Amino acid sequence: LIAYEDKRYFDHIGIDVLALARATRQNIVAGRIVSGGSTISMQLIRLARKGKDRSFFQKMIELILATRLEFRYSKDEILALYASH
């Protein structure tokens, strides 16, 4: 799961700046969204906030909430929550 979804999972605090930069570059080159750059923590936040649109503003909220999630729960707890969702 980690290798596919978030290979630097244990090395960030909810936001993987390198993955976001890579995804942004890929999306600009493709002219459409082909990659998201979300961490497991960000994906868990998105799953918990059902029905929210996929806008830039919502992505910024996910970034903030993912960081807060990382300060409150351990990496193992976050991974368990994501896997059980």
N, C-alpha and C. Protein backbone atom coordinates (compact mmCIF):
# COMPACT_ATOMS: atom_id res chain seq x y z
N LEU A 1 0.83 -1.19 0.00
CA LEU A 1 0.00 0.00 0.00
C LEU A 1 0.87 1.26 0.00
N ILE A 2 1.86 1.28 0.87
CA ILE A 2 2.74 2.44 0.96
C ILE A 2 3.55 2.61 -0.32
N ALA A 3 4.07 1.51 -0.86
CA ALA A 3 4.89 1.59 -2.07
C ALA A 3 4.10 2.17 -3.24
N TYR A 4 2.82 1.89 -3.32
CA TYR A 4 2.00 2.36 -4.44
C TYR A 4 1.42 3.75 -4.18
N GLU A 5 0.93 4.00 -2.98
CA GLU A 5 0.20 5.23 -2.70
C GLU A 5 1.06 6.39 -2.21
N ASP A 6 2.14 6.08 -1.45
CA ASP A 6 2.86 7.16 -0.78
C ASP A 6 4.23 6.64 -0.33
N LYS A 7 5.16 6.52 -1.28
CA LYS A 7 6.44 5.87 -0.97
C LYS A 7 7.28 6.59 0.07
N ARG A 8 7.05 7.86 0.30
CA ARG A 8 7.79 8.58 1.35
C ARG A 8 6.92 8.79 2.59
N TYR A 9 5.98 7.88 2.82
CA TYR A 9 5.00 7.99 3.89
C TYR A 9 5.64 8.27 5.25
N PHE A 10 6.70 7.57 5.58
CA PHE A 10 7.31 7.72 6.89
C PHE A 10 8.27 8.91 6.97
N ASP A 11 8.41 9.66 5.89
CA ASP A 11 9.37 10.76 5.84
C ASP A 11 8.73 12.15 5.75
N HIS A 12 7.42 12.26 5.86
CA HIS A 12 6.77 13.58 5.77
C HIS A 12 5.75 13.75 6.89
N ILE A 13 5.25 14.97 7.03
CA ILE A 13 4.27 15.27 8.09
C ILE A 13 2.87 15.49 7.50
N GLY A 14 2.53 14.68 6.52
CA GLY A 14 1.20 14.77 5.92
C GLY A 14 1.20 15.37 4.54
N ILE A 15 2.27 16.08 4.20
CA ILE A 15 2.40 16.72 2.89
C ILE A 15 3.72 16.29 2.27
N ASP A 16 3.67 15.77 1.07
CA ASP A 16 4.88 15.40 0.34
C ASP A 16 5.08 16.44 -0.76
N VAL A 17 5.92 17.41 -0.48
CA VAL A 17 6.14 18.53 -1.40
C VAL A 17 6.68 18.03 -2.74
N LEU A 18 7.56 17.03 -2.70
CA LEU A 18 8.10 16.49 -3.96
C LEU A 18 7.01 15.86 -4.81
N ALA A 19 6.10 15.10 -4.18
CA ALA A 19 5.01 14.47 -4.92
C ALA A 19 4.05 15.52 -5.49
N LEU A 20 3.78 16.57 -4.71
CA LEU A 20 2.90 17.64 -5.20
C LEU A 20 3.54 18.37 -6.38
N ALA A 21 4.85 18.62 -6.31
CA ALA A 21 5.55 19.29 -7.40
C ALA A 21 5.55 18.41 -8.66
N ARG A 22 5.80 17.11 -8.48
CA ARG A 22 5.79 16.17 -9.61
C ARG A 22 4.41 16.13 -10.25
N ALA A 23 3.38 16.03 -9.44
CA ALA A 23 2.01 15.96 -9.95
C ALA A 23 1.64 17.24 -10.69
N THR A 24 2.02 18.37 -10.13
CA THR A 24 1.73 19.66 -10.78
C THR A 24 2.39 19.72 -12.14
N ARG A 25 3.66 19.33 -12.20
CA ARG A 25 4.40 19.34 -13.47
C ARG A 25 3.73 18.40 -14.48
N GLN A 26 3.40 17.19 -14.06
CA GLN A 26 2.76 16.22 -14.97
C GLN A 26 1.42 16.73 -15.47
N ASN A 27 0.65 17.36 -14.60
CA ASN A 27 -0.66 17.88 -14.99
C ASN A 27 -0.54 19.04 -15.98
N ILE A 28 0.45 19.89 -15.77
CA ILE A 28 0.66 21.01 -16.70
C ILE A 28 1.09 20.51 -18.06
N VAL A 29 2.03 19.56 -18.09
CA VAL A 29 2.51 19.00 -19.36
C VAL A 29 1.38 18.30 -20.10
N ALA A 30 0.55 17.54 -19.38
CA ALA A 30 -0.55 16.80 -20.00
C ALA A 30 -1.73 17.69 -20.36
N GLY A 31 -1.82 18.85 -19.72
CA GLY A 31 -2.95 19.73 -19.96
C GLY A 31 -4.24 19.27 -19.30
N ARG A 32 -4.13 18.32 -18.41
CA ARG A 32 -5.27 17.80 -17.66
C ARG A 32 -4.74 17.12 -16.41
N ILE A 33 -5.62 16.74 -15.51
CA ILE A 33 -5.18 16.08 -14.28
C ILE A 33 -4.90 14.61 -14.56
N VAL A 34 -3.62 14.25 -14.41
CA VAL A 34 -3.20 12.87 -14.59
C VAL A 34 -2.59 12.31 -13.31
N SER A 35 -2.29 13.18 -12.36
CA SER A 35 -1.68 12.77 -11.10
C SER A 35 -2.10 13.73 -10.01
N GLY A 36 -2.24 13.22 -8.77
CA GLY A 36 -2.73 14.06 -7.69
C GLY A 36 -1.68 14.47 -6.67
N GLY A 37 -0.71 13.65 -6.41
CA GLY A 37 0.32 13.98 -5.44
C GLY A 37 -0.12 13.93 -4.00
N SER A 38 -1.28 13.36 -3.73
CA SER A 38 -1.78 13.30 -2.35
C SER A 38 -1.08 12.20 -1.56
N THR A 39 -0.83 12.49 -0.29
CA THR A 39 -0.29 11.49 0.62
C THR A 39 -1.43 10.62 1.15
N ILE A 40 -1.08 9.55 1.82
CA ILE A 40 -2.10 8.70 2.44
C ILE A 40 -2.91 9.52 3.44
N SER A 41 -2.25 10.39 4.18
CA SER A 41 -2.96 11.24 5.14
C SER A 41 -3.95 12.16 4.44
N MET A 42 -3.54 12.75 3.33
CA MET A 42 -4.44 13.62 2.57
C MET A 42 -5.61 12.82 2.00
N GLN A 43 -5.35 11.60 1.54
CA GLN A 43 -6.42 10.76 1.01
C GLN A 43 -7.40 10.38 2.10
N LEU A 44 -6.89 10.10 3.30
CA LEU A 44 -7.76 9.79 4.42
C LEU A 44 -8.66 10.97 4.76
N ILE A 45 -8.10 12.16 4.75
CA ILE A 45 -8.90 13.37 5.00
C ILE A 45 -9.98 13.51 3.94
N ARG A 46 -9.62 13.30 2.67
CA ARG A 46 -10.61 13.43 1.59
C ARG A 46 -11.73 12.39 1.76
N LEU A 47 -11.37 11.16 2.15
CA LEU A 47 -12.38 10.13 2.38
C LEU A 47 -13.31 10.50 3.53
N ALA A 48 -12.75 11.11 4.57
CA ALA A 48 -13.55 11.49 5.74
C ALA A 48 -14.46 12.68 5.45
N ARG A 49 -14.08 13.49 4.46
CA ARG A 49 -14.88 14.68 4.11
C ARG A 49 -15.72 14.39 2.87
N LYS A 50 -16.51 13.36 2.90
CA LYS A 50 -17.29 12.90 1.76
C LYS A 50 -18.04 14.04 1.07
N GLY A 51 -18.09 13.97 -0.25
CA GLY A 51 -18.91 14.89 -1.01
C GLY A 51 -18.30 16.25 -1.32
N LYS A 52 -17.10 16.52 -0.85
CA LYS A 52 -16.47 17.80 -1.15
C LYS A 52 -15.95 17.79 -2.58
N ASP A 53 -16.04 18.93 -3.25
CA ASP A 53 -15.56 19.01 -4.62
C ASP A 53 -14.04 18.89 -4.65
N ARG A 54 -13.49 18.66 -5.82
CA ARG A 54 -12.05 18.46 -5.99
C ARG A 54 -11.41 19.74 -6.50
N SER A 55 -11.57 20.82 -5.79
CA SER A 55 -11.05 22.12 -6.21
C SER A 55 -9.70 22.39 -5.55
N PHE A 56 -9.04 23.43 -6.05
CA PHE A 56 -7.77 23.87 -5.47
C PHE A 56 -7.97 24.26 -4.01
N PHE A 57 -9.06 24.95 -3.69
CA PHE A 57 -9.35 25.37 -2.33
C PHE A 57 -9.50 24.15 -1.41
N GLN A 58 -10.21 23.13 -1.87
CA GLN A 58 -10.39 21.92 -1.06
C GLN A 58 -9.05 21.20 -0.87
N LYS A 59 -8.19 21.23 -1.88
CA LYS A 59 -6.86 20.62 -1.76
C LYS A 59 -6.06 21.33 -0.67
N MET A 60 -6.17 22.65 -0.59
CA MET A 60 -5.47 23.41 0.45
C MET A 60 -5.99 23.04 1.84
N ILE A 61 -7.30 22.86 1.95
CA ILE A 61 -7.88 22.43 3.23
C ILE A 61 -7.36 21.04 3.60
N GLU A 62 -7.29 20.14 2.61
CA GLU A 62 -6.76 18.80 2.86
C GLU A 62 -5.31 18.86 3.35
N LEU A 63 -4.53 19.76 2.79
CA LEU A 63 -3.13 19.91 3.22
C LEU A 63 -3.06 20.28 4.70
N ILE A 64 -3.87 21.23 5.10
CA ILE A 64 -3.88 21.68 6.50
C ILE A 64 -4.36 20.56 7.42
N LEU A 65 -5.46 19.93 7.06
CA LEU A 65 -6.03 18.88 7.90
C LEU A 65 -5.12 17.65 7.97
N ALA A 66 -4.42 17.34 6.89
CA ALA A 66 -3.50 16.20 6.88
C ALA A 66 -2.35 16.45 7.85
N THR A 67 -1.87 17.67 7.90
CA THR A 67 -0.80 18.01 8.84
C THR A 67 -1.30 17.88 10.27
N ARG A 68 -2.49 18.37 10.53
CA ARG A 68 -3.07 18.24 11.87
C ARG A 68 -3.27 16.77 12.25
N LEU A 69 -3.71 15.96 11.28
CA LEU A 69 -3.88 14.52 11.51
C LEU A 69 -2.57 13.89 11.92
N GLU A 70 -1.49 14.26 11.24
CA GLU A 70 -0.16 13.70 11.52
C GLU A 70 0.33 14.06 12.92
N PHE A 71 -0.03 15.23 13.42
CA PHE A 71 0.39 15.62 14.76
C PHE A 71 -0.42 14.91 15.84
N ARG A 72 -1.62 14.49 15.49
CA ARG A 72 -2.51 13.87 16.48
C ARG A 72 -2.36 12.35 16.56
N TYR A 73 -2.12 11.70 15.41
CA TYR A 73 -2.07 10.24 15.35
C TYR A 73 -0.71 9.77 14.87
N SER A 74 -0.36 8.54 15.24
CA SER A 74 0.90 7.94 14.77
C SER A 74 0.74 7.51 13.32
N LYS A 75 1.86 7.28 12.67
CA LYS A 75 1.83 6.80 11.28
C LYS A 75 1.09 5.46 11.19
N ASP A 76 1.31 4.59 12.16
CA ASP A 76 0.64 3.29 12.16
C ASP A 76 -0.88 3.44 12.33
N GLU A 77 -1.31 4.37 13.18
CA GLU A 77 -2.74 4.61 13.36
C GLU A 77 -3.38 5.17 12.09
N ILE A 78 -2.68 6.10 11.44
CA ILE A 78 -3.20 6.69 10.21
C ILE A 78 -3.31 5.61 9.12
N LEU A 79 -2.29 4.79 9.02
CA LEU A 79 -2.30 3.73 8.01
C LEU A 79 -3.43 2.75 8.27
N ALA A 80 -3.66 2.41 9.53
CA ALA A 80 -4.75 1.50 9.88
C ALA A 80 -6.11 2.10 9.53
N LEU A 81 -6.28 3.39 9.82
CA LEU A 81 -7.53 4.07 9.47
C LEU A 81 -7.75 4.07 7.96
N TYR A 82 -6.69 4.36 7.21
CA TYR A 82 -6.80 4.40 5.75
C TYR A 82 -7.12 3.01 5.20
N ALA A 83 -6.43 2.01 5.69
CA ALA A 83 -6.63 0.64 5.19
C ALA A 83 -8.01 0.11 5.52
N SER A 84 -8.58 0.57 6.64
CA SER A 84 -9.90 0.06 7.03
C SER A 84 -11.05 0.83 6.41
N HIS A 85 -10.74 1.91 5.73
CA HIS A 85 -11.81 2.73 5.15
C HIS A 85 -12.35 2.09 3.89
